[in-house]
Amino acid sequence: MIRTAIVTHPIDVAAIIAAVASDANGATSVFLGTVRDVNDGRAVTGMEYSAYDAMASKELGKIAMEAAERFGGVTLAIEHRVGVLALGDVSVAIALDATRFVIEELKKRVPIWKREHYADGTREWVDPSSSIARTVAG
């Protein structure tokens, strides 16, 4: 599933996440670009985005298709807002499941360990390969 849009309304982050969330995916990554208060040392009070909608929509779709081809059928949703935005407003939201490869390889290959602290006061080291098996199975 791929969904892209250039929008004039505030981006509904929960809807973007819901568009790609699935029990089959196991995880969803979200990138949010927001209007910041400083750029190049100058105070910013807001921002305005404008676009040639037809071309912008077409190129956004091409990027999404390239990602799907590169990552083998990624589930992806992208929205970019145009218009006047205030500080902290979300200007672009990207939600995808393509990072699954990275996190699973990280669990398998990177020497990082985790020790869970339980409510009963005990602690236990967790075997990353068993958490991978649970993730894949469940």
Protein backbone atom coordinates (compact mmCIF):
# COMPACT_ATOMS: atom_id res chain seq x y z
CA MET A 1 0.00 0.00 0.00
CA ILE A 2 1.31 3.41 -0.96
CA ARG A 3 -0.48 6.66 -0.23
CA THR A 4 0.85 10.13 -0.98
CA ALA A 5 -0.75 13.57 -0.84
CA ILE A 6 -0.06 17.28 -0.91
CA VAL A 7 -2.49 18.77 1.62
CA THR A 8 -3.63 22.23 2.71
CA HIS A 9 -4.98 21.12 6.10
CA PRO A 10 -3.09 20.13 9.25
CA ILE A 11 -1.57 16.67 8.86
CA ASP A 12 -3.34 14.01 10.90
CA VAL A 13 -0.38 12.01 12.18
CA ALA A 14 -2.60 9.29 13.66
CA ALA A 15 -4.25 8.78 10.27
CA ILE A 16 -0.86 8.51 8.55
CA ILE A 17 0.22 5.86 11.06
CA ALA A 18 -3.10 4.02 10.73
CA ALA A 19 -2.67 3.93 6.94
CA VAL A 20 0.42 1.71 7.24
CA ALA A 21 -0.08 -0.02 10.59
CA SER A 22 -0.71 -3.74 10.38
CA ASP A 23 -0.19 -6.73 12.61
CA ALA A 24 1.68 -8.25 9.66
CA ASN A 25 4.19 -5.39 9.62
CA GLY A 26 5.23 -5.64 13.25
CA ALA A 27 6.46 -2.04 13.38
CA THR A 28 5.88 1.38 11.92
CA SER A 29 8.45 4.15 11.60
CA VAL A 30 7.32 7.75 11.50
CA PHE A 31 9.22 10.84 10.42
CA LEU A 32 7.70 14.23 11.22
CA GLY A 33 9.15 17.42 9.81
CA THR A 34 8.08 20.40 11.88
CA VAL A 35 8.47 24.16 11.68
CA ARG A 36 11.37 25.12 13.92
CA ASP A 37 11.97 28.39 15.71
CA VAL A 38 15.48 29.15 14.39
CA ASN A 39 17.11 28.75 10.98
CA ASP A 40 20.67 29.88 10.20
CA GLY A 41 20.77 31.81 13.47
CA ARG A 42 17.62 33.82 12.69
CA ALA A 43 14.42 33.59 14.73
CA VAL A 44 11.53 32.08 12.77
CA THR A 45 7.89 32.84 13.58
CA GLY A 46 6.27 30.64 10.95
CA MET A 47 6.65 29.30 7.43
CA GLU A 48 4.77 29.18 4.17
CA TYR A 49 5.00 26.33 1.67
CA SER A 50 3.71 26.57 -1.87
CA ALA A 51 3.78 23.97 -4.64
CA TYR A 52 2.83 23.29 -8.22
CA ASP A 53 0.31 20.68 -7.07
CA ALA A 54 0.19 18.45 -10.16
CA MET A 55 3.98 18.19 -10.46
CA ALA A 56 4.53 17.93 -6.69
CA SER A 57 1.98 15.11 -6.38
CA LYS A 58 3.51 13.25 -9.33
CA GLU A 59 7.07 13.49 -7.95
CA LEU A 60 5.95 12.52 -4.45
CA GLY A 61 4.33 9.43 -5.95
CA LYS A 62 7.51 8.60 -7.87
CA ILE A 63 9.58 8.78 -4.69
CA ALA A 64 7.15 6.45 -2.93
CA MET A 65 7.26 3.96 -5.82
CA GLU A 66 11.08 4.04 -5.84
CA ALA A 67 11.07 3.26 -2.11
CA ALA A 68 8.67 0.36 -2.69
CA GLU A 69 10.89 -1.05 -5.42
CA ARG A 70 14.08 -0.62 -3.38
CA PHE A 71 12.66 -2.17 -0.21
CA GLY A 72 10.48 -4.85 -1.77
CA GLY A 73 6.87 -3.81 -1.38
CA VAL A 74 7.12 -1.36 1.49
CA THR A 75 3.92 -0.04 3.04
CA LEU A 76 4.23 3.74 2.90
CA ALA A 77 2.23 6.92 3.49
CA ILE A 78 3.54 10.43 2.83
CA GLU A 79 1.82 13.78 3.24
CA HIS A 80 3.35 17.22 2.71
CA ARG A 81 1.47 20.28 3.80
CA VAL A 82 1.35 23.54 1.88
CA GLY A 83 0.14 26.91 3.12
CA VAL A 84 1.00 28.97 6.17
CA LEU A 85 2.30 26.98 9.14
CA ALA A 86 3.05 28.05 12.70
CA LEU A 87 5.98 27.00 14.87
CA GLY A 88 5.74 23.31 15.70
CA ASP A 89 3.24 22.52 12.94
CA VAL A 90 3.93 19.31 11.03
CA SER A 91 4.97 20.13 7.48
CA VAL A 92 5.71 16.60 6.30
CA ALA A 93 4.83 13.16 7.67
CA ILE A 94 6.19 9.86 6.44
CA ALA A 95 5.12 6.52 7.89
CA LEU A 96 6.56 3.24 6.65
CA ASP A 97 7.43 -0.31 7.50
CA ALA A 98 10.74 -0.41 5.55
CA THR A 99 12.85 -0.05 8.66
CA ARG A 100 11.88 -3.58 9.70
CA PHE A 101 14.94 -4.93 7.84
CA VAL A 102 17.26 -2.60 9.76
CA ILE A 103 15.85 -3.37 13.20
CA GLU A 104 15.86 -7.14 12.62
CA GLU A 105 19.46 -7.06 11.34
CA LEU A 106 20.41 -4.85 14.30
CA LYS A 107 18.94 -7.40 16.71
CA LYS A 108 20.87 -10.20 15.00
CA ARG A 109 24.24 -8.57 14.38
CA VAL A 110 24.93 -5.55 16.59
CA PRO A 111 26.43 -6.36 20.00
CA ILE A 112 23.91 -4.54 22.15
CA TRP A 113 22.27 -6.34 25.04
CA LYS A 114 19.18 -5.58 27.05
CA ARG A 115 18.24 -6.54 30.57
CA GLU A 116 14.60 -6.26 31.49
CA HIS A 117 13.55 -5.06 34.94
CA TYR A 118 10.35 -6.71 36.09
CA ALA A 119 7.67 -5.50 38.45
CA ASP A 120 8.47 -8.31 40.91
CA GLY A 121 11.98 -6.87 41.37
CA THR A 122 13.82 -9.44 39.26
CA ARG A 123 16.01 -8.66 36.28
CA GLU A 124 16.78 -10.85 33.30
CA TRP A 125 19.03 -10.58 30.26
CA VAL A 126 17.01 -11.05 27.07
CA ASP A 127 18.32 -13.13 24.18
CA PRO A 128 17.83 -10.93 21.08
CA SER A 129 17.33 -13.97 18.86
CA SER A 130 14.38 -15.11 21.00
CA SER A 131 12.78 -11.67 20.70
CA ILE A 132 13.21 -11.91 16.92
CA ALA A 133 11.50 -15.28 16.96
CA ARG A 134 8.61 -13.82 19.00
CA THR A 135 8.36 -10.83 16.64
CA VAL A 136 8.28 -13.03 13.55
CA ALA A 137 5.90 -15.58 15.07
CA GLY A 138 3.58 -13.12 16.73
